[in-house]
Amino acid sequence: MQKIVEEFNRVKRANKKQMPIYARLLDTQSELGELSKEYLKASKYGTVNFSMNEKFKDEFGDTLYCLLSLACEANLDAKECLQLAIEKYRKRIEEKNSMGSGVI
């Protein structure tokens, strides 16, 4: 997926130069907020069970695109980062029976 985003950004770049990492971070945060808003709307602010809809899928795609673009701009291998995170969570589950970083 990262290669697809990297190629798209290279060929179809709206701005003619790379976005600075801080701009990618802010864009990602904005899209995550929009994704959260769609969850709240679809669940009537938690009063009903969440029901998947096209707007939520659309916002998830925007968020994923932003994260993968951030990885490209920061010269990160998203797959490697994901593997590191999964290993970290696997270790926490084995040691503490929890994925969280703190003890509850």
Protein backbone atom coordinates (compact mmCIF):
# COMPACT_ATOMS: atom_id res chain seq x y z
CA MET A 1 0.00 0.00 0.00
CA GLN A 2 2.80 2.42 0.82
CA LYS A 3 4.27 2.06 -2.67
CA ILE A 4 0.88 2.92 -4.22
CA VAL A 5 0.64 6.08 -2.10
CA GLU A 6 4.25 7.00 -2.80
CA GLU A 7 3.73 6.69 -6.56
CA PHE A 8 0.43 8.59 -6.46
CA ASN A 9 2.02 11.42 -4.49
CA ARG A 10 4.97 11.55 -6.86
CA VAL A 11 2.88 11.62 -10.05
CA LYS A 12 -0.24 13.52 -8.93
CA ARG A 13 1.24 15.85 -6.34
CA ALA A 14 -1.02 18.90 -6.03
CA ASN A 15 1.80 20.93 -4.54
CA LYS A 16 4.99 20.61 -6.56
CA LYS A 17 7.21 19.74 -3.60
CA GLN A 18 7.06 17.33 -0.68
CA MET A 19 4.88 18.30 2.25
CA PRO A 20 6.86 18.89 5.44
CA ILE A 21 6.40 16.18 8.06
CA TYR A 22 4.61 18.57 10.46
CA ALA A 23 2.00 19.24 7.75
CA ARG A 24 1.49 15.50 7.22
CA LEU A 25 1.07 15.05 10.99
CA LEU A 26 -1.52 17.82 11.17
CA ASP A 27 -3.33 16.45 8.12
CA THR A 28 -3.41 12.99 9.69
CA GLN A 29 -4.77 14.40 12.94
CA SER A 30 -7.46 16.28 11.03
CA GLU A 31 -8.52 13.15 9.13
CA LEU A 32 -8.59 11.09 12.33
CA GLY A 33 -10.90 13.72 13.79
CA GLU A 34 -13.20 13.39 10.78
CA LEU A 35 -13.17 9.59 11.15
CA SER A 36 -14.07 9.94 14.82
CA LYS A 37 -16.88 12.35 13.93
CA GLU A 38 -18.34 9.81 11.51
CA TYR A 39 -18.26 7.16 14.24
CA LEU A 40 -20.09 9.48 16.61
CA LYS A 41 -22.70 10.31 13.99
CA ALA A 42 -23.21 6.65 13.03
CA SER A 43 -23.61 5.64 16.68
CA LYS A 44 -25.72 8.70 17.58
CA TYR A 45 -22.98 9.70 20.03
CA GLY A 46 -22.80 6.24 21.55
CA THR A 47 -26.52 5.83 22.15
CA VAL A 48 -26.92 3.08 19.52
CA ASN A 49 -24.65 0.35 18.17
CA PHE A 50 -22.25 1.56 15.51
CA SER A 51 -23.30 0.65 12.00
CA MET A 52 -20.65 0.70 9.26
CA ASN A 53 -21.44 3.11 6.43
CA GLU A 54 -19.79 4.50 3.31
CA LYS A 55 -18.85 7.84 4.92
CA PHE A 56 -16.93 6.03 7.69
CA LYS A 57 -15.12 3.90 5.09
CA ASP A 58 -14.29 7.05 3.12
CA GLU A 59 -12.84 8.79 6.17
CA PHE A 60 -10.89 5.64 7.12
CA GLY A 61 -9.36 5.66 3.64
CA ASP A 62 -8.41 9.33 4.00
CA THR A 63 -6.78 8.61 7.37
CA LEU A 64 -4.87 5.62 5.99
CA TYR A 65 -3.72 7.66 3.01
CA CYS A 66 -2.43 10.39 5.34
CA LEU A 67 -0.56 7.91 7.53
CA LEU A 68 1.06 6.23 4.53
CA SER A 69 1.96 9.63 3.06
CA LEU A 70 3.55 10.52 6.40
CA ALA A 71 5.58 7.32 6.24
CA CYS A 72 6.76 8.24 2.74
CA GLU A 73 7.73 11.79 3.70
CA ALA A 74 9.56 10.57 6.83
CA ASN A 75 11.34 7.76 4.95
CA LEU A 76 9.71 5.14 7.14
CA ASP A 77 8.82 1.62 6.03
CA ALA A 78 5.20 1.35 7.20
CA LYS A 79 5.27 -2.45 7.07
CA GLU A 80 8.38 -2.56 9.27
CA CYS A 81 6.82 -0.10 11.73
CA LEU A 82 3.67 -2.24 11.90
CA GLN A 83 5.71 -5.38 12.52
CA LEU A 84 7.58 -3.64 15.35
CA ALA A 85 4.28 -2.54 16.92
CA ILE A 86 2.77 -6.04 16.68
CA GLU A 87 5.84 -7.55 18.29
CA LYS A 88 5.67 -4.95 21.08
CA TYR A 89 1.99 -5.77 21.70
CA ARG A 90 2.64 -9.50 21.52
CA LYS A 91 5.34 -9.14 24.19
CA ARG A 92 3.07 -7.06 26.45
CA ILE A 93 0.28 -9.62 26.18
CA GLU A 94 2.68 -12.44 27.07
CA GLU A 95 4.18 -10.52 30.00
CA LYS A 96 1.17 -8.60 31.38
CA ASN A 97 -1.85 -10.13 29.65
CA SER A 98 -2.59 -6.65 28.27
CA MET A 99 -1.66 -4.64 25.16
CA GLY A 100 -1.60 -1.38 27.11
CA SER A 101 1.61 0.33 28.14
CA GLY A 102 0.41 0.97 31.70
CA VAL A 103 -1.08 -1.24 34.37
CA ILE A 104 -4.77 -0.72 35.05
